[in-house]
Amino acid sequence: QRILRARPETNFEALPKFMSNQTSRWGILGAAGIAQKNWQSLRNAGNAELVAVASREVSKSQEFIDRCSAQVPHPQSPVALGDYDELLAREDIDAIYLPLPTGLRHQWAMKVAAAGKHLLCEKPCGSNMEQVEEITAACEDAGVQFMDGVMFMHSERMNKIREVMEDGETIGSLRRIHTQFSFCAPEEFLQENIRMHSDLEPHGCLGDLGWYTLRFILWVMNYETPKSVTGRLLNASAMTGSPKQVPTEFSGEVLFEKVSASFYCSFLTEHQQLAHLSGNKGNLRVDDFVLPYYGNRLGFTASNSIFDCDVCDFRMERRETHHQVEEYASSHPSAQESNLFRIFSDLALSGQPDPHWPKITRLTQKLMMTCMESAEQGGTELSWS
């Protein structure tokens, strides 16, 4: 198996297979840390051009551009702006990537829609359900594409997982889903990171990590409506200056007509990002469903173990099958984050927004908020309405 070097250098001469005859012109509204990763994704998309980056101060925008350009230069260096409204007023920008904190997203997402720009929004896309409804409705009224920034949705591995889980033999009839996304945050994170401030990130680990676990559950179920939801707040804390505590450890159950699902997210448990599907014939396991492990192949494991008993001889036979797709984990035109910007840019250029993406954002937000409501009521099971 060929393994990537420490930092693979993109062969930009090989990019034409990704190229479009048209280019979507982008602006980044807010120089957040995640935007550094997407700086490279925009460069790799092949049908996108980054025109400008805006922060509250032009010096911060320029610092962001200089830092990213030193590692991944764009053909034309983006313009540094010190005002968000100035970015939205530019006529040479078609789409906005919005990585501002959750507590600020509603205000600026609404302005993006009002400016007639397509919107790729980090998640959660609002502090409550009403905000997300308003954002997606505003984008629909403006005739622009809306999508949240869940990168794994755009990995080719998802198609392979769907193929195997629905082949009728590997797992048979699905009965159970379990997901977990966690990392053990250092003390300085718990004391200083904005994800510990209730005004900026009110959902804590549930919004930052749980969104992915809930989205994966919904994807597996083809976005079937749940019957009921239970959420449990296992731990909460806050940084200095935060009005309220935010979840730092959270678990829950989502019940469907024939399938039960559980999820766990935490800032207090070491890194894990697993998804496990169980049926009447076997199970399927993905150990890195959010952020693929380093390499040029993405995989998962199916198990159809057999318990063999011959009088006194008892043994459990593993019988696993490993599936994989040819796709780089990161920093490459084939990676899921590059696919995200490529697919979004195609939709923006088509002039025909796909209603699927705002629909699943609303469903994920509602599921997350129902989990929060259940936890606030001491873990009461809530019917879906």
Protein backbone atom coordinates (compact mmCIF):
# COMPACT_ATOMS: atom_id res chain seq x y z
CA GLN A 1 0.00 0.00 0.00
CA ARG A 2 1.38 3.38 -1.01
CA ILE A 3 1.47 5.79 1.92
CA LEU A 4 1.42 9.57 1.77
CA ARG A 5 4.45 11.61 2.67
CA ALA A 6 4.28 13.83 5.74
CA ARG A 7 2.66 16.62 3.73
CA PRO A 8 1.75 15.53 0.18
CA GLU A 9 2.43 18.17 -2.42
CA THR A 10 -0.54 18.61 -4.70
CA ASN A 11 0.36 18.05 -8.34
CA PHE A 12 -1.53 21.00 -9.77
CA GLU A 13 -0.66 19.87 -13.30
CA ALA A 14 -2.95 16.89 -12.66
CA LEU A 15 -5.87 19.10 -11.63
CA PRO A 16 -7.61 19.43 -15.03
CA LYS A 17 -9.67 16.27 -14.43
CA PHE A 18 -11.36 18.25 -11.64
CA MET A 19 -11.56 21.47 -13.59
CA SER A 20 -14.78 23.09 -14.75
CA ASN A 21 -15.17 25.52 -17.63
CA GLN A 22 -16.59 27.90 -15.02
CA THR A 23 -15.25 29.09 -11.70
CA SER A 24 -17.17 29.96 -8.56
CA ARG A 25 -15.72 33.04 -6.87
CA TRP A 26 -15.44 32.75 -3.08
CA GLY A 27 -15.06 34.91 0.00
CA ILE A 28 -14.24 33.72 3.52
CA LEU A 29 -16.15 35.62 6.19
CA GLY A 30 -14.12 35.22 9.37
CA ALA A 31 -10.54 33.96 9.64
CA ALA A 32 -11.28 31.02 11.97
CA GLY A 33 -8.92 28.08 12.41
CA ILE A 34 -11.02 25.68 10.33
CA ALA A 35 -10.80 28.17 7.46
CA GLN A 36 -7.08 27.33 7.15
CA LYS A 37 -8.00 23.79 6.14
CA ASN A 38 -10.59 25.04 3.69
CA TRP A 39 -8.12 27.51 2.17
CA GLN A 40 -6.43 24.45 0.71
CA SER A 41 -9.76 22.79 -0.17
CA LEU A 42 -10.71 25.82 -2.27
CA ARG A 43 -7.33 25.66 -4.01
CA ASN A 44 -7.81 21.94 -4.75
CA ALA A 45 -11.45 22.10 -5.91
CA GLY A 46 -10.60 23.03 -9.49
CA ASN A 47 -13.78 25.04 -10.03
CA ALA A 48 -13.32 27.62 -7.25
CA GLU A 49 -11.35 30.81 -6.81
CA LEU A 50 -10.78 32.52 -3.46
CA VAL A 51 -11.17 36.25 -4.06
CA ALA A 52 -11.13 37.78 -0.56
CA VAL A 53 -10.89 37.07 3.17
CA ALA A 54 -12.56 39.33 5.73
CA SER A 55 -11.93 39.75 9.43
CA ARG A 56 -12.77 42.50 11.90
CA GLU A 57 -9.31 43.95 11.26
CA VAL A 58 -7.54 44.03 7.92
CA SER A 59 -4.28 43.10 9.64
CA LYS A 60 -5.80 39.83 10.86
CA SER A 61 -7.09 39.03 7.39
CA GLN A 62 -3.67 39.72 5.89
CA GLU A 63 -1.96 37.63 8.56
CA PHE A 64 -4.31 34.75 7.75
CA ILE A 65 -3.63 35.09 4.01
CA ASP A 66 0.14 35.30 4.52
CA ARG A 67 0.20 32.28 6.83
CA CYS A 68 -1.82 30.10 4.46
CA SER A 69 -0.12 31.35 1.31
CA ALA A 70 3.28 30.39 2.69
CA GLN A 71 2.18 26.76 2.64
CA VAL A 72 -0.50 26.60 -0.09
CA PRO A 73 -0.28 29.57 -2.46
CA HIS A 74 -3.26 30.42 -4.67
CA PRO A 75 -2.66 31.51 -8.29
CA GLN A 76 -3.97 34.96 -7.37
CA SER A 77 -3.50 36.05 -3.77
CA PRO A 78 -6.87 36.92 -2.14
CA VAL A 79 -7.62 40.45 -1.00
CA ALA A 80 -7.53 41.15 2.74
CA LEU A 81 -10.56 43.03 4.08
CA GLY A 82 -11.25 44.50 7.51
CA ASP A 83 -15.04 44.60 7.28
CA TYR A 84 -17.57 41.80 6.76
CA ASP A 85 -20.08 44.04 4.99
CA GLU A 86 -17.39 45.10 2.52
CA LEU A 87 -16.92 41.44 1.61
CA LEU A 88 -20.65 40.93 1.03
CA ALA A 89 -20.87 44.06 -1.12
CA ARG A 90 -18.28 42.83 -3.62
CA GLU A 91 -19.71 42.01 -7.03
CA ASP A 92 -16.82 39.66 -7.84
CA ILE A 93 -17.88 37.11 -5.18
CA ASP A 94 -20.52 34.42 -5.77
CA ALA A 95 -20.26 32.29 -2.62
CA ILE A 96 -19.38 32.79 1.04
CA TYR A 97 -17.79 30.33 3.42
CA LEU A 98 -18.96 31.27 6.95
CA PRO A 99 -16.87 29.83 9.83
CA LEU A 100 -17.86 32.40 12.49
CA PRO A 101 -18.90 31.06 15.94
CA THR A 102 -22.41 29.63 16.17
CA GLY A 103 -23.66 32.57 18.22
CA LEU A 104 -22.80 34.95 15.35
CA ARG A 105 -23.85 32.82 12.38
CA HIS A 106 -27.52 33.79 12.18
CA GLN A 107 -26.82 37.51 11.86
CA TRP A 108 -24.25 37.08 9.11
CA ALA A 109 -25.92 34.17 7.33
CA MET A 110 -29.00 36.32 6.88
CA LYS A 111 -26.82 39.10 5.44
CA VAL A 112 -25.16 36.62 3.07
CA ALA A 113 -28.58 35.57 1.75
CA ALA A 114 -29.71 39.21 1.48
CA ALA A 115 -26.59 39.94 -0.58
CA GLY A 116 -27.55 37.15 -2.99
CA LYS A 117 -24.48 35.03 -2.21
CA HIS A 118 -24.45 31.24 -1.96
CA LEU A 119 -23.77 30.10 1.62
CA LEU A 120 -21.55 27.30 2.91
CA CYS A 121 -22.06 27.50 6.67
CA GLU A 122 -20.18 25.78 9.46
CA LYS A 123 -22.26 23.78 11.90
CA PRO A 124 -24.34 24.10 13.99
CA CYS A 125 -25.80 26.70 11.67
CA GLY A 126 -27.68 28.54 14.42
CA SER A 127 -28.18 28.70 18.17
CA ASN A 128 -31.73 27.35 17.88
CA MET A 129 -34.16 25.85 15.41
CA GLU A 130 -35.82 29.17 14.62
CA GLN A 131 -32.54 30.68 13.43
CA VAL A 132 -31.81 27.76 11.10
CA GLU A 133 -35.33 27.92 9.68
CA GLU A 134 -34.88 31.64 8.99
CA ILE A 135 -31.46 31.14 7.36
CA THR A 136 -32.54 28.35 5.03
CA ALA A 137 -35.77 30.17 4.13
CA ALA A 138 -33.80 33.34 3.33
CA CYS A 139 -31.45 31.38 1.07
CA GLU A 140 -34.40 29.74 -0.67
CA ASP A 141 -36.08 33.12 -1.22
CA ALA A 142 -32.83 34.52 -2.62
CA GLY A 143 -32.39 31.55 -4.96
CA VAL A 144 -28.95 30.70 -3.55
CA GLN A 145 -27.48 27.37 -2.46
CA PHE A 146 -27.25 26.59 1.25
CA MET A 147 -25.14 23.76 2.68
CA ASP A 148 -23.52 23.00 6.03
CA GLY A 149 -19.85 22.11 6.26
CA VAL A 150 -20.02 18.39 7.12
CA MET A 151 -17.10 17.14 5.05
CA PHE A 152 -17.58 13.39 5.42
CA MET A 153 -20.84 13.64 3.48
CA HIS A 154 -18.74 14.23 0.36
CA SER A 155 -16.38 11.28 0.69
CA GLU A 156 -16.61 8.48 -1.89
CA ARG A 157 -16.44 6.09 1.07
CA MET A 158 -20.03 6.95 1.95
CA ASN A 159 -21.24 5.46 -1.34
CA LYS A 160 -19.31 2.27 -0.60
CA ILE A 161 -20.73 2.04 2.92
CA ARG A 162 -24.23 2.42 1.51
CA GLU A 163 -23.59 -0.27 -1.08
CA VAL A 164 -22.33 -2.79 1.49
CA MET A 165 -24.90 -2.06 4.20
CA GLU A 166 -27.75 -2.47 1.73
CA ASP A 167 -26.49 -5.59 -0.08
CA GLY A 168 -28.86 -7.77 2.00
CA GLU A 169 -26.13 -10.12 3.20
CA THR A 170 -23.39 -8.22 5.03
CA ILE A 171 -25.51 -6.88 7.88
CA GLY A 172 -28.95 -8.07 6.77
CA SER A 173 -31.77 -6.11 8.37
CA LEU A 174 -30.40 -3.12 10.27
CA ARG A 175 -31.32 -3.05 13.96
CA ARG A 176 -28.78 -0.89 15.77
CA ILE A 177 -26.53 2.12 15.14
CA HIS A 178 -23.87 3.43 17.50
CA THR A 179 -21.68 6.51 16.94
CA GLN A 180 -19.03 8.30 18.97
CA PHE A 181 -16.90 11.37 18.38
CA SER A 182 -14.64 12.60 21.17
CA PHE A 183 -11.29 14.10 22.03
CA CYS A 184 -9.62 14.79 25.36
CA ALA A 185 -9.23 18.54 25.48
CA PRO A 186 -6.26 20.04 27.38
CA GLU A 187 -6.92 22.30 30.34
CA GLU A 188 -6.22 25.46 28.33
CA PHE A 189 -8.97 24.46 25.88
CA LEU A 190 -11.47 24.07 28.72
CA GLN A 191 -10.46 27.45 30.12
CA GLU A 192 -9.94 29.54 26.98
CA ASN A 193 -11.48 28.04 23.82
CA ILE A 194 -14.61 29.69 22.41
CA ARG A 195 -16.33 26.29 22.38
CA MET A 196 -16.52 26.69 26.16
CA HIS A 197 -18.46 29.99 25.97
CA SER A 198 -22.26 29.73 26.00
CA ASP A 199 -22.83 32.92 23.98
CA LEU A 200 -20.51 31.77 21.19
CA GLU A 201 -20.98 27.98 21.20
CA PRO A 202 -24.05 27.25 23.34
CA HIS A 203 -24.15 23.54 22.53
CA GLY A 204 -20.57 22.74 23.54
CA CYS A 205 -19.47 19.24 22.56
CA LEU A 206 -22.95 18.40 21.29
CA GLY A 207 -22.70 21.08 18.61
CA ASP A 208 -19.02 20.67 17.88
CA LEU A 209 -18.89 16.83 17.82
CA GLY A 210 -22.39 15.50 18.32
CA TRP A 211 -23.61 17.13 15.09
CA TYR A 212 -21.47 14.62 13.17
CA THR A 213 -22.74 11.60 15.10
CA LEU A 214 -26.35 12.67 14.61
CA ARG A 215 -25.84 13.40 10.91
CA PHE A 216 -24.32 9.95 10.38
CA ILE A 217 -27.29 8.30 12.11
CA LEU A 218 -29.73 10.25 9.95
CA TRP A 219 -27.74 9.43 6.80
CA VAL A 220 -27.79 5.71 7.59
CA MET A 221 -31.56 5.92 8.06
CA ASN A 222 -32.03 7.80 4.77
CA TYR A 223 -33.29 10.75 6.85
CA GLU A 224 -36.26 8.84 8.25
CA THR A 225 -38.10 10.78 10.95
CA PRO A 226 -37.30 9.49 14.47
CA LYS A 227 -40.09 8.37 16.79
CA SER A 228 -38.49 9.61 20.01
CA VAL A 229 -35.27 11.03 21.43
CA THR A 230 -33.44 10.92 24.75
CA GLY A 231 -30.48 13.13 25.69
CA ARG A 232 -28.28 13.03 28.78
CA LEU A 233 -25.89 15.75 29.91
CA LEU A 234 -23.05 13.82 31.54
CA ASN A 235 -20.73 16.75 32.23
CA ALA A 236 -20.67 20.52 31.72
CA SER A 237 -18.32 23.42 32.41
CA ALA A 238 -17.40 26.85 31.07
CA MET A 239 -14.52 29.18 30.39
CA THR A 240 -14.10 32.34 32.44
CA GLY A 241 -16.66 34.93 31.39
CA SER A 242 -19.18 32.49 29.97
CA PRO A 243 -22.72 33.22 31.23
CA LYS A 244 -23.58 29.51 31.39
CA GLN A 245 -21.94 26.13 31.32
CA VAL A 246 -21.88 24.17 28.06
CA PRO A 247 -21.95 20.40 27.52
CA THR A 248 -18.54 18.75 27.69
CA GLU A 249 -19.84 15.16 27.71
CA PHE A 250 -23.18 14.10 26.26
CA SER A 251 -24.94 10.89 25.24
CA GLY A 252 -28.31 10.04 23.79
CA GLU A 253 -30.66 7.59 22.11
CA VAL A 254 -32.62 8.08 18.90
CA LEU A 255 -35.44 5.61 18.26
CA PHE A 256 -36.85 4.89 14.81
CA GLU A 257 -39.64 2.55 13.76
CA LYS A 258 -37.39 -0.53 13.49
CA VAL A 259 -33.93 0.73 14.47
CA SER A 260 -32.42 2.13 17.66
CA ALA A 261 -29.40 4.42 17.63
CA SER A 262 -27.06 5.76 20.30
CA PHE A 263 -24.43 8.50 20.24
CA TYR A 264 -21.73 9.83 22.55
CA CYS A 265 -19.67 13.01 22.24
CA SER A 266 -17.14 14.45 24.64
CA PHE A 267 -14.30 16.90 25.23
CA LEU A 268 -13.17 14.66 28.11
CA THR A 269 -12.56 11.30 26.43
CA GLU A 270 -9.57 10.58 24.20
CA HIS A 271 -9.97 10.75 20.46
CA GLN A 272 -12.41 8.31 18.93
CA GLN A 273 -14.71 8.64 15.92
CA LEU A 274 -16.45 5.36 15.37
CA ALA A 275 -19.66 4.28 13.72
CA HIS A 276 -21.03 0.77 14.18
CA LEU A 277 -24.02 -0.73 12.35
CA SER A 278 -25.56 -4.01 13.52
CA GLY A 279 -28.09 -6.26 11.79
CA ASN A 280 -29.42 -9.80 11.89
CA LYS A 281 -26.59 -11.15 9.70
CA GLY A 282 -23.54 -9.15 10.72
CA ASN A 283 -22.12 -5.73 11.45
CA LEU A 284 -20.13 -2.93 9.86
CA ARG A 285 -17.56 -0.73 11.60
CA VAL A 286 -16.00 2.58 10.58
CA ASP A 287 -13.20 3.69 12.89
CA ASP A 288 -12.69 7.16 11.40
CA PHE A 289 -15.97 8.30 9.90
CA VAL A 290 -15.41 12.04 10.49
CA LEU A 291 -11.68 12.62 9.94
CA PRO A 292 -10.19 9.75 7.95
CA TYR A 293 -6.96 8.25 9.20
CA TYR A 294 -3.84 9.28 7.32
CA GLY A 295 -3.30 7.50 4.01
CA ASN A 296 -4.43 7.27 0.41
CA ARG A 297 -7.19 4.71 0.98
CA LEU A 298 -10.30 5.06 3.14
CA GLY A 299 -11.84 1.91 4.52
CA PHE A 300 -14.21 0.15 6.86
CA THR A 301 -14.70 -3.38 8.16
CA ALA A 302 -17.62 -5.78 7.84
CA SER A 303 -17.88 -8.73 10.22
CA ASN A 304 -19.91 -11.90 9.82
CA SER A 305 -18.45 -13.81 12.74
CA ILE A 306 -19.43 -17.42 13.41
CA PHE A 307 -19.72 -19.17 16.77
CA ASP A 308 -18.71 -22.77 16.19
CA CYS A 309 -19.45 -25.43 18.80
CA ASP A 310 -18.30 -29.04 18.35
CA VAL A 311 -19.04 -30.86 21.60
CA CYS A 312 -16.22 -29.60 23.86
CA ASP A 313 -14.61 -27.35 21.24
CA PHE A 314 -16.00 -23.82 21.41
CA ARG A 315 -14.59 -21.05 19.21
CA MET A 316 -15.56 -17.68 17.82
CA GLU A 317 -14.38 -17.11 14.24
CA ARG A 318 -13.85 -13.49 13.26
CA ARG A 319 -14.60 -13.63 9.49
CA GLU A 320 -14.00 -9.99 8.64
CA THR A 321 -13.95 -8.31 5.25
CA HIS A 322 -12.13 -5.02 4.70
CA HIS A 323 -13.57 -2.59 2.14
CA GLN A 324 -11.83 0.53 0.87
CA VAL A 325 -11.91 3.27 -1.73
CA GLU A 326 -9.00 5.05 -3.41
CA GLU A 327 -9.20 8.46 -1.74
CA TYR A 328 -6.68 10.53 0.15
CA ALA A 329 -7.48 11.37 3.76
CA SER A 330 -6.59 15.05 3.43
CA SER A 331 -4.64 17.75 1.59
CA HIS A 332 -5.41 16.38 -1.87
CA PRO A 333 -7.90 17.09 -4.70
CA SER A 334 -9.59 13.72 -4.04
CA ALA A 335 -10.10 14.35 -0.31
CA GLN A 336 -13.56 14.89 1.16
CA GLU A 337 -13.00 18.57 1.96
CA SER A 338 -11.97 19.26 -1.64
CA ASN A 339 -15.06 17.37 -2.81
CA LEU A 340 -17.20 19.56 -0.54
CA PHE A 341 -16.08 22.78 -2.22
CA ARG A 342 -16.13 21.21 -5.68
CA ILE A 343 -19.70 19.95 -5.28
CA PHE A 344 -20.88 23.20 -3.74
CA SER A 345 -19.26 25.25 -6.48
CA ASP A 346 -20.94 23.11 -9.13
CA LEU A 347 -24.31 23.74 -7.48
CA ALA A 348 -23.64 27.47 -7.23
CA LEU A 349 -22.64 27.62 -10.90
CA SER A 350 -25.64 25.58 -12.01
CA GLY A 351 -28.13 28.22 -10.88
CA GLN A 352 -30.36 25.43 -9.52
CA PRO A 353 -30.01 25.13 -5.73
CA ASP A 354 -30.44 21.58 -4.41
CA PRO A 355 -33.09 21.59 -1.61
CA HIS A 356 -31.68 18.35 -0.15
CA TRP A 357 -28.87 20.15 1.69
CA PRO A 358 -30.92 22.70 3.67
CA LYS A 359 -33.45 19.96 4.40
CA ILE A 360 -30.92 17.71 6.13
CA THR A 361 -29.43 20.68 8.00
CA ARG A 362 -32.85 21.49 9.44
CA LEU A 363 -33.38 17.84 10.39
CA THR A 364 -29.98 17.60 12.09
CA GLN A 365 -30.54 20.86 13.97
CA LYS A 366 -33.95 19.72 15.16
CA LEU A 367 -32.56 16.41 16.36
CA MET A 368 -29.75 18.17 18.23
CA MET A 369 -32.11 20.65 19.86
CA THR A 370 -34.49 17.86 20.89
CA CYS A 371 -31.58 16.05 22.52
CA MET A 372 -30.71 19.25 24.41
CA GLU A 373 -34.31 19.69 25.49
CA SER A 374 -34.45 16.12 26.77
CA ALA A 375 -31.23 16.59 28.74
CA GLU A 376 -32.56 19.81 30.28
CA GLN A 377 -35.55 17.79 31.46
CA GLY A 378 -33.35 15.22 33.16
CA GLY A 379 -33.21 12.76 30.28
CA THR A 380 -36.93 12.55 29.64
CA GLU A 381 -37.83 10.68 26.45
CA LEU A 382 -39.38 13.14 24.02
CA SER A 383 -41.64 12.21 21.14
CA TRP A 384 -40.76 13.67 17.75
CA SER A 385 -43.20 16.35 16.64
